[in-house]
C-alpha atoms as a PDB file:
ATOM      1  CA  MET A   1      -0.518 -12.804  27.270  1.00  0.00           C
ATOM      2  CA  PHE A   2      -1.270  -9.208  28.208  1.00  0.00           C
ATOM      3  CA  THR A   3       2.374  -8.238  27.979  1.00  0.00           C
ATOM      4  CA  TRP A   4       2.550  -9.629  24.433  1.00  0.00           C
ATOM      5  CA  ILE A   5      -0.497  -7.566  23.454  1.00  0.00           C
ATOM      6  CA  ALA A   6       0.968  -4.469  25.103  1.00  0.00           C
ATOM      7  CA  GLU A   7       4.308  -4.947  23.321  1.00  0.00           C
ATOM      8  CA  ASN A   8       2.656  -5.457  19.917  1.00  0.00           C
ATOM      9  CA  LEU A   9      -0.153  -2.912  20.221  1.00  0.00           C
ATOM     10  CA  PRO A  10       1.176  -0.586  17.458  1.00  0.00           C
ATOM     11  CA  THR A  11       1.512  -3.509  15.042  1.00  0.00           C
ATOM     12  CA  ILE A  12      -1.951  -4.769  15.902  1.00  0.00           C
ATOM     13  CA  GLY A  13      -3.434  -1.281  15.438  1.00  0.00           C
ATOM     14  CA  ILE A  14      -1.770  -0.673  12.083  1.00  0.00           C
ATOM     15  CA  SER A  15      -2.782  -4.141  10.880  1.00  0.00           C
ATOM     16  CA  ALA A  16      -6.386  -3.471  11.886  1.00  0.00           C
ATOM     17  CA  VAL A  17      -6.408  -0.185   9.952  1.00  0.00           C
ATOM     18  CA  VAL A  18      -4.909  -1.810   6.840  1.00  0.00           C
ATOM     19  CA  LEU A  19      -7.416  -4.672   7.067  1.00  0.00           C
ATOM     20  CA  ALA A  20     -10.295  -2.184   7.359  1.00  0.00           C
ATOM     21  CA  VAL A  21      -9.118  -0.267   4.276  1.00  0.00           C
ATOM     22  CA  VAL A  22      -8.828  -3.483   2.251  1.00  0.00           C
ATOM     23  CA  CYS A  23     -12.297  -4.611   3.359  1.00  0.00           C
ATOM     24  CA  LEU A  24     -13.802  -1.253   2.385  1.00  0.00           C
ATOM     25  CA  ALA A  25     -12.138  -1.420  -1.034  1.00  0.00           C
ATOM     26  CA  VAL A  26     -13.476  -4.928  -1.662  1.00  0.00           C
ATOM     27  CA  LEU A  27     -16.952  -3.957  -0.498  1.00  0.00           C
ATOM     28  CA  SER A  28     -16.881  -0.943  -2.812  1.00  0.00           C
ATOM     29  CA  LEU A  29     -15.907  -3.139  -5.774  1.00  0.00           C
ATOM     30  CA  VAL A  30     -18.677  -5.633  -4.982  1.00  0.00           C
ATOM     31  CA  HIS A  31     -21.212  -2.824  -4.595  1.00  0.00           C
ATOM     32  CA  ASP A  32     -20.215  -1.284  -7.925  1.00  0.00           C
ATOM     33  CA  LYS A  33     -20.347  -4.686  -9.630  1.00  0.00           C
ATOM     34  CA  LYS A  34     -23.893  -5.270  -8.351  1.00  0.00           C
ATOM     35  CA  LYS A  35     -24.939  -1.861  -9.706  1.00  0.00           C
ATOM     36  CA  GLY A  36     -23.518  -2.755 -13.107  1.00  0.00           C
ATOM     37  CA  LYS A  37     -20.620  -0.338 -12.951  1.00  0.00           C
ATOM     38  CA  SER A  38     -17.294  -1.369 -14.379  1.00  0.00           C
ATOM     39  CA  SER A  39     -13.725  -0.485 -13.562  1.00  0.00           C
ATOM     40  CA  CYS A  40     -13.195   0.018 -17.282  1.00  0.00           C
ATOM     41  CA  GLY A  41     -12.875   3.658 -18.301  1.00  0.00           C
ATOM     42  CA  GLY A  42     -14.520   2.960 -21.649  1.00  0.00           C
ATOM     43  CA  ASN A  43     -11.682   4.507 -23.667  1.00  0.00           C
ATOM     44  CA  CYS A  44     -10.854   1.515 -25.855  1.00  0.00           C
ATOM     45  CA  GLY A  45      -8.490   3.559 -28.044  1.00  0.00           C
ATOM     46  CA  CYS A  46      -5.859   3.537 -25.302  1.00  0.00           C
ATOM     47  CA  CYS A  47      -6.479  -0.031 -24.214  1.00  0.00           C
ATOM     48  CA  PRO A  48      -4.281  -2.898 -25.396  1.00  0.00           C
ATOM     49  CA  MET A  49      -7.365  -5.137 -25.495  1.00  0.00           C
ATOM     50  CA  GLY A  50      -8.827  -2.781 -28.119  1.00  0.00           C
ATOM     51  CA  GLY A  51     -12.488  -3.684 -28.473  1.00  0.00           C
ATOM     52  CA  SER A  52     -12.458  -7.248 -27.306  1.00  0.00           C
ATOM     53  CA  CYS A  53     -14.243  -6.606 -24.011  1.00  0.00           C
ATOM     54  CA  HIS A  54     -17.146  -4.490 -25.282  1.00  0.00           C
ATOM     55  CA  GLY A  55     -19.587  -5.603 -27.913  1.00  0.00           C
ATOM     56  CA  LYS A  56     -20.137  -3.438 -30.960  1.00  0.00           C
ATOM     57  CA  LYS A  57     -23.164  -1.190 -30.684  1.00  0.00           C
END
C-alpha cells in the first residue's frame, strides 16, 4: 500500500492541486451568485442572445 502511494505521489499531488483549484472556482461562482453578481458582461450588443436575458428598463 505504501509503495503504491510512494510511486504515485506526483500524480496524487497534482490531482489534489487541480481539485483545489476547481473547488475554489465553484465556490467563487456560488459566492458571486448569492451576492447577485452575474457572469454576464452586460454588453448585449455583442451577444448572440441579444436582449433576451435582460428585461427592458
